[in-house]
Amino acid sequence: MTLLVIGIVMMFSASYAWAVSKNLPGTYYAIKQMQSAAIGVVAMIILTFWDYHWFQNKIFAYGLYIVSLILLCLVFLFEPSNGAQRWIWIGNFSFQPSEIMKFAVTILFAYLISIHYDRMGTFRYGILPYLALLGIVAVLMLKQPHLSGTLLICTIGLTLIFVGGAKIKHFAAMIGAGAAAIAGFVVFKTVTGELNYFSVRFQSWLDPFADVNDKTWQTCQSLIAIGSGGMFGLGLGESRQKYLYLPETKNDFVFAIVCEELGFVGAITVILLFAMLVFRGLYIASKAPDKFGMLVAIGLTVQVGIQALLNIAVVSNFIPNTGISLPFFSYGGTSLVMLLAQMGIVLNISRHSVIEK
């Protein structure tokens, strides 16, 4: 809840100028985010007391995965936004099916591993089905393109397979096959000239200040914001970069505003809060009463941890800009509701566990 409160405050600060520039009330995005947070908190409370074993159901696990696949296909019916087709639009409302797919992969993998746990050491049950399931998702998401989402979902899946008991040699072979497939995809798209989206972002990552243009502007302004914050920041609400210098301040680059307004100390505090959340989630997983609960807790916790890590790495230019949001901070109703609901499931697993207070 601490991360949620800080996230809403920082998102409000980061979004104020952009809302005004669009002739909207300065509180427009903050109010919409709080509405989503309210729905998410209600979902979290309900799922905290809803037995998580309800999700350990073949029909639900496969059904959610199939529905998520259909939604991933439907995104190609809509116009691209910022060079990518990741959203489904229903009137003025939009959402990313990849947010649902993260949860779907966690539930399906946890279900399959829990029922085949004794056979996870074999290639047939420990690798093959998961490789196929992840492969289908990866192809659809790379087509959007959504590299960061692909990496995140594959990381969740691979983590569950590894924890689930797959043999090291099989696991290594799976990673190798996946890496080779992605490399082949990249080479093919490069040769055919269809990989401009990725190549532009990669070039802007190598040296964004060498040639400041519309492709490198975002990264440059993000680094300026981080550097401007110093040790203790300019003060809450005092960011300069949010005044239309830094694009996507309310979305993928909200952490840059955190650094500018709260400084190094504030940034480290946020990172430590994420680390504490991940540690607690993994601790709950270690005390889960069964394999399914353990795997679900690990999958949902890893999702938050890796997503936060990737976002912070992008904002600080440690890795190329891949377009990934910061959990609890970035603007987005679907993402926030899903995150809070998933935290409710983790809390429910903890209620069934024997945990030292």
Protein backbone atom coordinates (compact mmCIF):
# COMPACT_ATOMS: atom_id res chain seq x y z
CA MET A 1 0.00 0.00 0.00
CA THR A 2 2.95 2.32 0.64
CA LEU A 3 4.09 1.89 -2.96
CA LEU A 4 0.55 2.55 -4.17
CA VAL A 5 0.22 5.81 -2.23
CA ILE A 6 3.65 7.08 -3.27
CA GLY A 7 2.92 5.99 -6.83
CA ILE A 8 -0.34 7.94 -7.07
CA VAL A 9 1.26 11.07 -5.57
CA MET A 10 4.19 10.92 -8.01
CA MET A 11 1.95 10.13 -10.98
CA PHE A 12 -0.18 13.18 -10.09
CA SER A 13 2.91 15.38 -9.97
CA ALA A 14 4.24 13.93 -13.23
CA SER A 15 0.94 14.18 -15.12
CA TYR A 16 -0.27 17.64 -14.04
CA ALA A 17 1.39 19.65 -16.82
CA TRP A 18 0.43 17.16 -19.53
CA ALA A 19 -3.21 17.24 -18.43
CA VAL A 20 -3.27 21.05 -18.54
CA SER A 21 -1.60 21.03 -21.98
CA LYS A 22 -4.52 18.95 -23.27
CA ASN A 23 -7.06 21.41 -21.80
CA LEU A 24 -7.94 18.96 -19.05
CA PRO A 25 -8.05 19.61 -15.30
CA GLY A 26 -4.60 19.17 -13.74
CA THR A 27 -5.99 16.40 -11.55
CA TYR A 28 -7.55 14.50 -14.47
CA TYR A 29 -5.08 11.61 -14.69
CA ALA A 30 -4.63 11.41 -10.92
CA ILE A 31 -8.37 11.07 -10.36
CA LYS A 32 -8.65 8.35 -13.00
CA GLN A 33 -5.72 6.54 -11.40
CA MET A 34 -7.33 6.80 -7.96
CA GLN A 35 -10.55 5.37 -9.37
CA SER A 36 -8.60 2.41 -10.76
CA ALA A 37 -6.79 2.09 -7.44
CA ALA A 38 -10.11 1.97 -5.59
CA ILE A 39 -11.34 -0.84 -7.85
CA GLY A 40 -8.02 -2.62 -7.44
CA VAL A 41 -8.07 -2.35 -3.65
CA VAL A 42 -11.59 -3.79 -3.55
CA ALA A 43 -10.43 -6.65 -5.78
CA MET A 44 -7.39 -7.15 -3.55
CA ILE A 45 -9.53 -7.34 -0.41
CA ILE A 46 -11.94 -9.81 -2.02
CA LEU A 47 -9.13 -12.04 -3.29
CA THR A 48 -7.36 -11.89 0.06
CA PHE A 49 -10.29 -13.87 1.47
CA TRP A 50 -11.04 -15.88 -1.71
CA ASP A 51 -9.38 -19.29 -1.54
CA TYR A 52 -6.61 -19.29 -4.14
CA HIS A 53 -7.26 -22.98 -4.85
CA TRP A 54 -10.24 -21.78 -6.89
CA PHE A 55 -7.71 -20.87 -9.61
CA GLN A 56 -6.28 -24.40 -9.52
CA ASN A 57 -8.77 -25.45 -12.13
CA LYS A 58 -8.10 -26.90 -15.58
CA ILE A 59 -10.94 -25.04 -17.28
CA PHE A 60 -9.99 -21.70 -15.73
CA ALA A 61 -6.24 -22.09 -16.34
CA TYR A 62 -6.55 -23.06 -20.01
CA GLY A 63 -9.55 -20.79 -20.58
CA LEU A 64 -7.75 -17.68 -19.33
CA TYR A 65 -4.71 -18.50 -21.47
CA ILE A 66 -6.81 -19.02 -24.62
CA VAL A 67 -8.83 -15.84 -24.05
CA SER A 68 -5.58 -13.92 -23.53
CA LEU A 69 -4.22 -15.32 -26.82
CA ILE A 70 -7.35 -14.20 -28.64
CA LEU A 71 -6.99 -10.72 -27.18
CA LEU A 72 -3.33 -10.62 -28.25
CA CYS A 73 -4.48 -11.35 -31.80
CA LEU A 74 -7.18 -8.67 -31.70
CA VAL A 75 -4.65 -5.87 -31.10
CA PHE A 76 -3.68 -6.08 -34.78
CA LEU A 77 -7.13 -4.83 -35.74
CA PHE A 78 -6.37 -1.43 -34.18
CA GLU A 79 -4.17 1.43 -35.34
CA PRO A 80 -0.57 1.53 -34.02
CA SER A 81 0.32 3.92 -31.22
CA ASN A 82 3.93 5.14 -31.01
CA GLY A 83 4.90 2.52 -33.56
CA ALA A 84 3.38 -0.45 -31.72
CA GLN A 85 0.07 -2.33 -31.73
CA ARG A 86 -0.39 -3.29 -28.08
CA TRP A 87 -3.79 -1.90 -27.19
CA ILE A 88 -7.42 -2.83 -27.68
CA TRP A 89 -9.70 0.18 -27.85
CA ILE A 90 -13.33 0.19 -26.77
CA GLY A 91 -14.49 3.76 -27.24
CA ASN A 92 -12.19 5.94 -25.14
CA PHE A 93 -11.16 2.97 -23.01
CA SER A 94 -8.06 0.96 -23.87
CA PHE A 95 -6.12 -1.89 -22.30
CA GLN A 96 -3.13 -4.09 -23.04
CA PRO A 97 -3.93 -7.82 -23.31
CA SER A 98 -0.33 -8.51 -22.27
CA GLU A 99 -1.29 -7.47 -18.72
CA ILE A 100 -3.81 -10.31 -18.62
CA MET A 101 -1.37 -12.71 -20.30
CA LYS A 102 1.16 -12.25 -17.48
CA PHE A 103 -1.40 -13.56 -15.02
CA ALA A 104 -2.60 -16.26 -17.42
CA VAL A 105 0.92 -17.69 -17.88
CA THR A 106 1.48 -17.72 -14.11
CA ILE A 107 -1.76 -19.57 -13.39
CA LEU A 108 -1.46 -22.07 -16.26
CA PHE A 109 2.19 -22.90 -15.55
CA ALA A 110 1.54 -23.21 -11.81
CA TYR A 111 -1.39 -25.54 -12.52
CA LEU A 112 0.51 -27.75 -14.99
CA ILE A 113 3.65 -27.96 -12.86
CA SER A 114 1.66 -28.78 -9.72
CA ILE A 115 -0.09 -31.75 -11.38
CA HIS A 116 3.04 -32.97 -13.22
CA TYR A 117 5.52 -32.16 -10.46
CA ASP A 118 6.81 -35.74 -10.17
CA ARG A 119 7.51 -35.80 -13.93
CA MET A 120 9.12 -32.37 -14.29
CA GLY A 121 12.51 -34.06 -14.65
CA THR A 122 11.50 -35.40 -18.07
CA PHE A 123 11.71 -33.38 -21.27
CA ARG A 124 8.16 -34.28 -22.27
CA TYR A 125 6.51 -32.92 -19.12
CA GLY A 126 9.17 -30.54 -17.83
CA ILE A 127 10.04 -28.59 -20.96
CA LEU A 128 8.08 -29.33 -24.13
CA PRO A 129 4.58 -28.07 -23.19
CA TYR A 130 5.93 -24.88 -21.62
CA LEU A 131 8.20 -24.18 -24.57
CA ALA A 132 5.18 -24.40 -26.88
CA LEU A 133 3.00 -22.21 -24.66
CA LEU A 134 5.67 -19.51 -24.29
CA GLY A 135 6.59 -19.70 -27.96
CA ILE A 136 3.07 -18.84 -29.11
CA VAL A 137 2.93 -15.86 -26.76
CA ALA A 138 6.41 -14.66 -27.77
CA VAL A 139 5.58 -14.71 -31.48
CA LEU A 140 2.40 -12.66 -31.00
CA MET A 141 4.04 -10.13 -28.68
CA LEU A 142 7.15 -9.64 -30.80
CA LYS A 143 4.84 -9.01 -33.74
CA GLN A 144 3.24 -6.05 -31.90
CA PRO A 145 6.21 -5.33 -31.18
CA HIS A 146 6.47 -5.59 -27.37
CA LEU A 147 9.99 -6.76 -26.52
CA SER A 148 9.91 -5.85 -22.83
CA GLY A 149 6.58 -7.62 -22.33
CA THR A 150 7.94 -10.68 -24.12
CA LEU A 151 11.03 -10.73 -21.90
CA LEU A 152 8.91 -10.32 -18.78
CA ILE A 153 6.47 -13.11 -19.59
CA CYS A 154 9.27 -15.45 -20.67
CA THR A 155 11.14 -14.68 -17.44
CA ILE A 156 8.06 -15.52 -15.39
CA GLY A 157 7.58 -18.78 -17.28
CA LEU A 158 11.24 -19.81 -17.10
CA THR A 159 11.39 -19.04 -13.38
CA LEU A 160 8.39 -21.27 -12.69
CA ILE A 161 9.84 -24.08 -14.83
CA PHE A 162 13.16 -23.87 -12.99
CA VAL A 163 11.57 -23.78 -9.53
CA GLY A 164 9.16 -26.50 -10.64
CA GLY A 165 11.98 -29.01 -10.90
CA ALA A 166 13.04 -29.11 -14.55
CA LYS A 167 16.46 -30.66 -15.10
CA ILE A 168 19.29 -28.17 -15.56
CA LYS A 169 20.30 -29.63 -18.93
CA HIS A 170 16.72 -29.49 -20.20
CA PHE A 171 16.30 -25.98 -18.81
CA ALA A 172 19.53 -24.79 -20.45
CA ALA A 173 18.46 -26.34 -23.76
CA MET A 174 15.13 -24.53 -23.54
CA ILE A 175 16.81 -21.18 -22.91
CA GLY A 176 19.19 -21.83 -25.79
CA ALA A 177 16.34 -22.69 -28.14
CA GLY A 178 14.43 -19.59 -27.10
CA ALA A 179 17.46 -17.34 -27.52
CA ALA A 180 18.16 -18.84 -30.95
CA ALA A 181 14.55 -18.32 -32.01
CA ILE A 182 14.57 -14.67 -30.91
CA ALA A 183 17.95 -14.11 -32.59
CA GLY A 184 16.62 -15.66 -35.79
CA PHE A 185 13.53 -13.45 -35.62
CA VAL A 186 15.67 -10.34 -35.15
CA VAL A 187 18.02 -11.26 -38.02
CA PHE A 188 15.11 -12.02 -40.35
CA LYS A 189 13.35 -8.76 -39.54
CA THR A 190 16.60 -6.84 -39.92
CA VAL A 191 17.28 -8.32 -43.36
CA THR A 192 13.74 -7.61 -44.52
CA GLY A 193 13.93 -4.09 -43.13
CA GLU A 194 11.00 -4.60 -40.76
CA LEU A 195 12.92 -4.06 -37.54
CA ASN A 196 13.19 -0.29 -37.65
CA TYR A 197 11.27 0.02 -34.35
CA PHE A 198 13.92 -1.94 -32.43
CA SER A 199 16.96 -0.62 -34.30
CA VAL A 200 16.01 3.01 -33.67
CA ARG A 201 15.63 2.37 -29.96
CA PHE A 202 18.92 0.49 -29.81
CA GLN A 203 20.80 3.29 -31.56
CA SER A 204 19.30 5.91 -29.24
CA TRP A 205 20.48 3.84 -26.27
CA LEU A 206 24.14 3.64 -27.31
CA ASP A 207 24.74 7.40 -27.17
CA PRO A 208 21.55 9.45 -26.85
CA PHE A 209 23.38 12.78 -26.61
CA ALA A 210 25.47 12.21 -29.77
CA ASP A 211 22.56 13.24 -31.98
CA VAL A 212 19.62 14.59 -30.02
CA ASN A 213 16.50 14.14 -32.14
CA ASP A 214 12.93 12.99 -31.74
CA LYS A 215 14.17 9.41 -31.28
CA THR A 216 16.70 10.18 -28.52
CA TRP A 217 14.93 13.13 -26.92
CA GLN A 218 13.05 11.03 -24.38
CA THR A 219 16.16 9.28 -23.08
CA CYS A 220 18.15 12.52 -22.92
CA GLN A 221 15.44 14.34 -20.97
CA SER A 222 15.11 11.38 -18.61
CA LEU A 223 18.84 11.47 -17.82
CA ILE A 224 18.68 15.24 -17.32
CA ALA A 225 15.81 14.76 -14.86
CA ILE A 226 17.73 12.12 -12.92
CA GLY A 227 20.87 14.28 -12.80
CA SER A 228 18.91 17.38 -11.77
CA GLY A 229 17.57 15.66 -8.68
CA GLY A 230 20.92 15.36 -6.94
CA MET A 231 20.95 13.82 -3.49
CA PHE A 232 17.66 15.11 -2.07
CA GLY A 233 15.77 16.31 -5.14
CA LEU A 234 14.19 19.60 -6.16
CA GLY A 235 11.19 19.00 -3.93
CA LEU A 236 7.81 17.35 -4.41
CA GLY A 237 6.02 18.97 -7.34
CA GLU A 238 9.08 21.00 -8.35
CA SER A 239 10.16 18.98 -11.39
CA ARG A 240 11.12 21.02 -14.45
CA GLN A 241 11.27 18.16 -16.95
CA LYS A 242 7.59 17.34 -16.49
CA TYR A 243 6.67 20.63 -18.17
CA LEU A 244 6.48 18.99 -21.59
CA TYR A 245 10.23 18.42 -21.88
CA LEU A 246 10.08 14.72 -20.99
CA PRO A 247 7.42 12.70 -22.87
CA GLU A 248 5.56 9.87 -21.12
CA THR A 249 6.15 11.34 -17.65
CA LYS A 250 2.96 9.75 -16.37
CA ASN A 251 3.69 6.39 -17.95
CA ASP A 252 7.02 4.68 -18.55
CA PHE A 253 9.21 7.56 -17.33
CA VAL A 254 7.53 8.48 -14.05
CA PHE A 255 10.60 7.17 -12.18
CA ALA A 256 12.66 9.96 -13.77
CA ILE A 257 10.34 12.47 -12.08
CA VAL A 258 10.75 10.56 -8.80
CA CYS A 259 14.52 11.01 -9.12
CA GLU A 260 14.21 14.70 -10.03
CA GLU A 261 11.79 15.64 -7.26
CA LEU A 262 12.93 13.29 -4.48
CA GLY A 263 16.56 12.85 -5.47
CA PHE A 264 18.86 9.90 -4.94
CA VAL A 265 17.45 9.31 -1.46
CA GLY A 266 13.87 9.13 -2.75
CA ALA A 267 14.84 6.88 -5.65
CA ILE A 268 16.68 4.46 -3.35
CA THR A 269 13.70 4.46 -0.98
CA VAL A 270 11.37 3.43 -3.81
CA ILE A 271 13.80 0.73 -4.96
CA LEU A 272 14.07 -0.60 -1.39
CA LEU A 273 10.28 -0.72 -1.10
CA PHE A 274 10.13 -2.84 -4.26
CA ALA A 275 12.90 -5.06 -2.87
CA MET A 276 10.97 -5.52 0.38
CA LEU A 277 7.83 -6.43 -1.57
CA VAL A 278 9.73 -9.02 -3.60
CA PHE A 279 11.42 -10.45 -0.50
CA ARG A 280 8.10 -10.74 1.32
CA GLY A 281 6.43 -12.35 -1.68
CA LEU A 282 9.17 -14.95 -2.03
CA TYR A 283 9.03 -15.60 1.72
CA ILE A 284 5.28 -16.22 1.46
CA ALA A 285 5.98 -18.57 -1.44
CA SER A 286 8.49 -20.52 0.66
CA LYS A 287 5.83 -21.04 3.34
CA ALA A 288 2.97 -21.89 0.97
CA PRO A 289 1.07 -25.05 1.95
CA ASP A 290 1.27 -26.63 -1.53
CA LYS A 291 3.12 -26.49 -4.85
CA PHE A 292 0.42 -24.52 -6.63
CA GLY A 293 0.41 -21.79 -4.00
CA MET A 294 4.20 -21.64 -3.99
CA LEU A 295 4.40 -21.30 -7.77
CA VAL A 296 1.64 -18.69 -8.02
CA ALA A 297 3.26 -16.56 -5.30
CA ILE A 298 6.64 -16.82 -7.03
CA GLY A 299 5.22 -15.98 -10.45
CA LEU A 300 3.27 -12.93 -9.27
CA THR A 301 6.19 -11.68 -7.17
CA VAL A 302 8.74 -12.14 -9.94
CA GLN A 303 6.45 -10.22 -12.29
CA VAL A 304 6.50 -7.13 -10.07
CA GLY A 305 10.22 -7.39 -9.33
CA ILE A 306 11.41 -7.90 -12.92
CA GLN A 307 9.01 -5.30 -14.31
CA ALA A 308 10.24 -2.69 -11.83
CA LEU A 309 13.85 -3.62 -12.58
CA LEU A 310 13.36 -3.32 -16.35
CA ASN A 311 11.57 0.03 -16.05
CA ILE A 312 14.24 1.56 -13.82
CA ALA A 313 16.95 0.21 -16.12
CA VAL A 314 15.24 1.83 -19.14
CA VAL A 315 14.73 5.18 -17.40
CA SER A 316 18.40 5.30 -16.34
CA ASN A 317 19.50 4.12 -19.83
CA PHE A 318 21.12 0.90 -18.62
CA ILE A 319 19.14 -0.91 -21.31
CA PRO A 320 17.41 0.32 -24.51
CA ASN A 321 13.96 1.84 -24.23
CA THR A 322 11.59 -1.10 -24.52
CA GLY A 323 8.38 0.52 -23.33
CA ILE A 324 7.54 -1.00 -19.95
CA SER A 325 5.62 0.57 -17.08
CA LEU A 326 6.61 0.89 -13.42
CA PRO A 327 4.26 -1.13 -11.17
CA PHE A 328 2.00 1.02 -8.94
CA PHE A 329 3.47 4.25 -10.38
CA SER A 330 2.76 4.41 -14.12
CA TYR A 331 -0.63 5.58 -15.34
CA GLY A 332 -2.83 2.71 -16.47
CA GLY A 333 -6.07 1.40 -15.05
CA THR A 334 -5.91 -2.19 -16.29
CA SER A 335 -2.35 -2.66 -15.09
CA LEU A 336 -3.05 -1.21 -11.64
CA VAL A 337 -6.23 -3.22 -11.08
CA MET A 338 -4.47 -6.43 -12.17
CA LEU A 339 -1.47 -5.73 -9.92
CA LEU A 340 -3.59 -5.08 -6.84
CA ALA A 341 -5.79 -8.11 -7.53
CA GLN A 342 -2.68 -10.27 -7.86
CA MET A 343 -1.33 -8.93 -4.56
CA GLY A 344 -4.63 -10.03 -3.04
CA ILE A 345 -3.96 -13.58 -4.26
CA VAL A 346 -0.48 -13.50 -2.70
CA LEU A 347 -2.01 -12.30 0.58
CA ASN A 348 -4.53 -15.14 0.42
CA ILE A 349 -1.69 -17.63 0.00
CA SER A 350 -0.06 -16.10 3.09
CA ARG A 351 -3.31 -16.61 5.03
CA HIS A 352 -3.09 -20.33 4.27
CA SER A 353 0.58 -20.46 5.20
CA VAL A 354 2.35 -20.85 8.50
CA ILE A 355 4.38 -17.65 8.69
CA GLU A 356 6.24 -16.32 11.67
CA LYS A 357 5.03 -12.87 12.59
